[in-house]
Each structure stands twice: as C-alpha cells, then as structure tokens.
N, C-alpha and C. Protein backbone atom coordinates (compact mmCIF):
# COMPACT_ATOMS: atom_id res chain seq x y z
N MET A 1 -0.54 -9.47 14.38
CA MET A 1 -1.35 -10.20 13.45
C MET A 1 -2.34 -11.12 14.18
N ILE A 2 -1.94 -11.67 15.29
CA ILE A 2 -2.83 -12.61 15.98
C ILE A 2 -4.04 -11.87 16.54
N LYS A 3 -3.84 -10.66 17.09
CA LYS A 3 -4.96 -9.91 17.63
C LYS A 3 -5.95 -9.54 16.53
N GLU A 4 -5.45 -9.12 15.38
CA GLU A 4 -6.33 -8.81 14.27
C GLU A 4 -6.97 -10.06 13.70
N GLY A 5 -6.24 -11.17 13.69
CA GLY A 5 -6.80 -12.43 13.21
C GLY A 5 -7.96 -12.91 14.06
N ILE A 6 -7.88 -12.67 15.35
CA ILE A 6 -8.98 -13.04 16.24
C ILE A 6 -10.22 -12.20 15.92
N LEU A 7 -10.02 -10.94 15.56
CA LEU A 7 -11.16 -10.11 15.17
C LEU A 7 -11.83 -10.61 13.91
N PHE A 8 -11.09 -11.33 13.07
CA PHE A 8 -11.65 -11.89 11.84
C PHE A 8 -12.25 -13.27 12.05
N GLY A 9 -12.05 -13.87 13.19
CA GLY A 9 -12.64 -15.17 13.47
C GLY A 9 -11.67 -16.33 13.48
N LEU A 10 -10.39 -16.08 13.67
CA LEU A 10 -9.42 -17.17 13.71
C LEU A 10 -9.48 -17.97 15.01
N ASP A 11 -10.17 -17.46 15.99
CA ASP A 11 -10.23 -18.16 17.28
C ASP A 11 -11.33 -19.22 17.33
N THR A 12 -12.07 -19.41 16.24
CA THR A 12 -13.15 -20.39 16.22
C THR A 12 -12.92 -21.40 15.10
N ASN A 13 -13.47 -22.58 15.29
CA ASN A 13 -13.47 -23.61 14.25
C ASN A 13 -14.88 -23.73 13.71
N ALA A 14 -15.01 -23.94 12.41
CA ALA A 14 -16.33 -24.05 11.80
C ALA A 14 -16.99 -25.37 12.20
N THR A 15 -16.26 -26.46 12.12
CA THR A 15 -16.79 -27.78 12.46
C THR A 15 -15.68 -28.61 13.09
N ARG A 16 -15.93 -29.89 13.24
CA ARG A 16 -14.91 -30.80 13.75
C ARG A 16 -14.18 -31.52 12.62
N LYS A 17 -14.48 -31.15 11.38
CA LYS A 17 -13.84 -31.81 10.23
C LYS A 17 -12.73 -30.93 9.68
N PHE A 18 -11.76 -31.58 9.04
CA PHE A 18 -10.56 -30.88 8.61
C PHE A 18 -10.82 -29.91 7.45
N TYR A 19 -11.44 -30.37 6.38
CA TYR A 19 -11.55 -29.54 5.18
C TYR A 19 -12.42 -28.29 5.36
N PRO A 20 -13.56 -28.38 6.05
CA PRO A 20 -14.28 -27.12 6.32
C PRO A 20 -13.48 -26.15 7.19
N ASN A 21 -12.74 -26.67 8.16
CA ASN A 21 -11.90 -25.80 8.99
C ASN A 21 -10.75 -25.19 8.19
N ALA A 22 -10.16 -25.97 7.29
CA ALA A 22 -9.09 -25.45 6.44
C ALA A 22 -9.62 -24.35 5.52
N THR A 23 -10.82 -24.56 4.98
CA THR A 23 -11.44 -23.55 4.12
C THR A 23 -11.74 -22.29 4.91
N HIS A 24 -12.27 -22.44 6.12
CA HIS A 24 -12.55 -21.29 6.99
C HIS A 24 -11.27 -20.54 7.30
N PHE A 25 -10.20 -21.26 7.59
CA PHE A 25 -8.91 -20.63 7.88
C PHE A 25 -8.40 -19.85 6.68
N LEU A 26 -8.45 -20.45 5.49
CA LEU A 26 -7.95 -19.77 4.29
C LEU A 26 -8.78 -18.53 3.95
N LEU A 27 -10.09 -18.61 4.09
CA LEU A 27 -10.93 -17.44 3.83
C LEU A 27 -10.68 -16.33 4.85
N THR A 28 -10.43 -16.71 6.08
CA THR A 28 -10.12 -15.72 7.11
C THR A 28 -8.79 -15.03 6.82
N ILE A 29 -7.79 -15.79 6.43
CA ILE A 29 -6.49 -15.22 6.08
C ILE A 29 -6.61 -14.34 4.84
N PHE A 30 -7.43 -14.74 3.89
CA PHE A 30 -7.67 -13.93 2.69
C PHE A 30 -8.31 -12.60 3.06
N ALA A 31 -9.32 -12.62 3.93
CA ALA A 31 -9.96 -11.38 4.38
C ALA A 31 -8.98 -10.49 5.14
N PHE A 32 -8.15 -11.10 5.96
CA PHE A 32 -7.13 -10.35 6.69
C PHE A 32 -6.14 -9.70 5.73
N SER A 33 -5.72 -10.44 4.71
CA SER A 33 -4.76 -9.91 3.73
C SER A 33 -5.36 -8.76 2.94
N LEU A 34 -6.62 -8.88 2.54
CA LEU A 34 -7.28 -7.79 1.82
C LEU A 34 -7.40 -6.54 2.68
N THR A 35 -7.73 -6.72 3.94
CA THR A 35 -7.84 -5.58 4.85
C THR A 35 -6.48 -4.93 5.07
N SER A 36 -5.45 -5.74 5.21
CA SER A 36 -4.09 -5.18 5.38
C SER A 36 -3.66 -4.41 4.15
N TRP A 37 -3.95 -4.96 2.98
CA TRP A 37 -3.62 -4.26 1.74
C TRP A 37 -4.38 -2.94 1.65
N PHE A 38 -5.67 -2.96 1.99
CA PHE A 38 -6.47 -1.74 1.96
C PHE A 38 -5.92 -0.70 2.91
N LYS A 39 -5.50 -1.14 4.10
CA LYS A 39 -4.93 -0.20 5.07
C LYS A 39 -3.67 0.45 4.53
N GLU A 40 -2.82 -0.32 3.87
CA GLU A 40 -1.57 0.21 3.34
C GLU A 40 -1.82 1.18 2.19
N VAL A 41 -2.69 0.80 1.26
CA VAL A 41 -2.88 1.58 0.04
C VAL A 41 -3.79 2.78 0.26
N ALA A 42 -4.95 2.57 0.85
CA ALA A 42 -5.95 3.63 0.93
C ALA A 42 -5.81 4.51 2.16
N ILE A 43 -5.47 3.94 3.30
CA ILE A 43 -5.48 4.71 4.53
C ILE A 43 -4.08 5.16 4.92
N GLY A 44 -3.11 4.32 4.75
CA GLY A 44 -1.75 4.64 5.19
C GLY A 44 -1.60 4.30 6.66
N GLU A 45 -0.39 4.21 7.09
CA GLU A 45 -0.13 3.80 8.47
C GLU A 45 0.44 4.93 9.31
N THR A 46 0.31 6.18 8.85
CA THR A 46 0.80 7.30 9.64
C THR A 46 -0.35 8.20 10.05
N ASP A 47 -0.27 8.74 11.23
CA ASP A 47 -1.28 9.64 11.74
C ASP A 47 -1.10 11.01 11.10
N ALA A 48 -2.19 11.62 10.66
CA ALA A 48 -2.12 12.91 9.96
C ALA A 48 -1.65 14.03 10.89
N LYS A 49 -2.05 13.97 12.15
CA LYS A 49 -1.71 15.05 13.07
C LYS A 49 -0.27 14.97 13.58
N SER A 50 0.13 13.79 14.02
CA SER A 50 1.45 13.68 14.64
C SER A 50 2.54 13.20 13.67
N GLY A 51 2.15 12.53 12.58
CA GLY A 51 3.13 12.02 11.64
C GLY A 51 3.79 10.73 12.09
N LEU A 52 3.33 10.16 13.20
CA LEU A 52 3.89 8.92 13.71
C LEU A 52 3.16 7.72 13.13
N GLU A 53 3.84 6.56 13.12
CA GLU A 53 3.21 5.35 12.63
C GLU A 53 2.14 4.88 13.61
N VAL A 54 0.99 4.50 13.06
CA VAL A 54 -0.14 4.07 13.88
C VAL A 54 -0.66 2.75 13.33
N LYS A 55 -0.99 1.84 14.23
CA LYS A 55 -1.56 0.56 13.83
C LYS A 55 -3.07 0.70 13.77
N ARG A 56 -3.65 0.58 12.60
CA ARG A 56 -5.09 0.70 12.43
C ARG A 56 -5.73 -0.69 12.53
N MET A 57 -6.74 -0.81 13.37
CA MET A 57 -7.44 -2.07 13.56
C MET A 57 -8.72 -2.08 12.72
N PRO A 58 -9.27 -3.26 12.42
CA PRO A 58 -10.50 -3.32 11.63
C PRO A 58 -11.67 -2.55 12.25
N LYS A 59 -11.73 -2.49 13.57
CA LYS A 59 -12.80 -1.73 14.23
C LYS A 59 -12.70 -0.24 13.88
N TRP A 60 -11.48 0.29 13.85
CA TRP A 60 -11.26 1.69 13.47
C TRP A 60 -11.69 1.94 12.04
N ILE A 61 -11.38 1.00 11.14
CA ILE A 61 -11.75 1.15 9.73
C ILE A 61 -13.26 1.15 9.58
N ARG A 62 -13.93 0.23 10.25
CA ARG A 62 -15.40 0.20 10.16
C ARG A 62 -16.01 1.50 10.68
N PHE A 63 -15.49 2.00 11.78
CA PHE A 63 -16.05 3.21 12.37
C PHE A 63 -15.83 4.41 11.47
N ARG A 64 -14.62 4.58 10.94
CA ARG A 64 -14.29 5.76 10.14
C ARG A 64 -14.90 5.75 8.75
N LEU A 65 -15.07 4.56 8.16
CA LEU A 65 -15.55 4.51 6.79
C LEU A 65 -17.03 4.17 6.65
N LEU A 66 -17.58 3.47 7.60
CA LEU A 66 -18.97 3.04 7.48
C LEU A 66 -19.93 3.81 8.38
N CYS A 67 -19.45 4.38 9.45
CA CYS A 67 -20.31 5.12 10.38
C CYS A 67 -20.12 6.63 10.17
N VAL A 68 -20.42 7.09 8.98
CA VAL A 68 -20.23 8.49 8.64
C VAL A 68 -21.55 9.21 8.84
N PRO A 69 -21.56 10.32 9.61
CA PRO A 69 -22.81 11.05 9.81
C PRO A 69 -23.21 11.81 8.54
N ALA A 70 -24.44 11.58 8.13
CA ALA A 70 -24.95 12.26 6.94
C ALA A 70 -26.46 12.36 7.06
N LYS A 71 -27.02 13.26 6.28
CA LYS A 71 -28.46 13.44 6.26
C LYS A 71 -28.95 13.16 4.85
N LEU A 72 -30.00 12.36 4.72
CA LEU A 72 -30.59 12.06 3.42
C LEU A 72 -31.63 13.12 3.11
N VAL A 73 -31.41 13.87 2.02
CA VAL A 73 -32.27 14.99 1.68
C VAL A 73 -32.91 14.72 0.32
N ALA A 74 -34.22 14.93 0.26
CA ALA A 74 -34.94 14.79 -1.01
C ALA A 74 -35.18 16.19 -1.58
N SER A 75 -34.71 16.36 -2.81
CA SER A 75 -34.87 17.65 -3.48
C SER A 75 -34.94 17.41 -4.98
N ALA A 76 -35.93 17.99 -5.62
CA ALA A 76 -36.10 17.89 -7.07
C ALA A 76 -36.12 16.43 -7.53
N ARG A 77 -36.85 15.60 -6.83
CA ARG A 77 -37.03 14.18 -7.13
C ARG A 77 -35.71 13.39 -7.07
N GLN A 78 -34.74 13.90 -6.37
CA GLN A 78 -33.49 13.19 -6.20
C GLN A 78 -33.14 13.09 -4.72
N LEU A 79 -32.56 11.96 -4.36
CA LEU A 79 -32.07 11.78 -2.99
C LEU A 79 -30.59 12.10 -2.96
N THR A 80 -30.20 12.94 -2.01
CA THR A 80 -28.81 13.36 -1.88
C THR A 80 -28.35 13.18 -0.44
N LEU A 81 -27.12 12.71 -0.27
CA LEU A 81 -26.53 12.61 1.06
C LEU A 81 -25.75 13.87 1.34
N LYS A 82 -26.07 14.52 2.45
CA LYS A 82 -25.35 15.71 2.89
C LYS A 82 -24.48 15.31 4.06
N PHE A 83 -23.18 15.41 3.87
CA PHE A 83 -22.22 15.02 4.91
C PHE A 83 -21.88 16.20 5.78
N SER A 84 -21.53 15.92 7.01
CA SER A 84 -21.14 16.96 7.96
C SER A 84 -19.79 17.54 7.55
N LYS A 85 -19.65 18.85 7.65
CA LYS A 85 -18.40 19.51 7.23
C LYS A 85 -17.25 19.24 8.20
N ASP A 86 -17.55 19.00 9.48
CA ASP A 86 -16.48 18.82 10.45
C ASP A 86 -16.10 17.35 10.63
N TRP A 87 -16.68 16.43 9.86
CA TRP A 87 -16.30 15.02 9.96
C TRP A 87 -14.97 14.82 9.27
N PRO A 88 -14.03 14.21 9.96
CA PRO A 88 -12.67 14.08 9.36
C PRO A 88 -12.63 13.18 8.16
C-alpha cells in the first residue's frame, strides 16, 4: 500500500498548514481506495495466462486502459475508432 500511495502523492505535503495537508491526505486515500476497488471489480487480481495472483499497479492500469492503439477513421460523416485486433 505504501508504494502505491507514493504513486498517488502521499510522499508530498500540500502546504505547511494542518487542514490543507489533512484534506490532501484524505483525497489521496480516497483516490487510492477507488483505484483498489476498480482493480478488484473490473480487472481482477489474477493473470489470465498463468492463473496466478498478480499485483496491478496504477501505472499498469493507465497503460492498459488509456494507451490503447486505435485509428480514427472518417466515413459517411461519422468518426469511428478502429482498434487493433491483436491488442489484449
């Protein structure tokens, strides 16, 4: 949890005052909890190939879900995303 918390910004303080830092801490923990919930519900914690438990980090989630190769194609006045067939 600490390694993932650092990726969310737990290693920094917003200011030198207590309440802004407490708010920053709570929002960071909230973001971490939402990401953990998403990993459990949507992605799962087992590898599809080996069937073993795998720890998914936020960097992996960003890469797999946001960096998807696709081509934007205009046809018949509509824009369509064409995804690669071999992308997992």
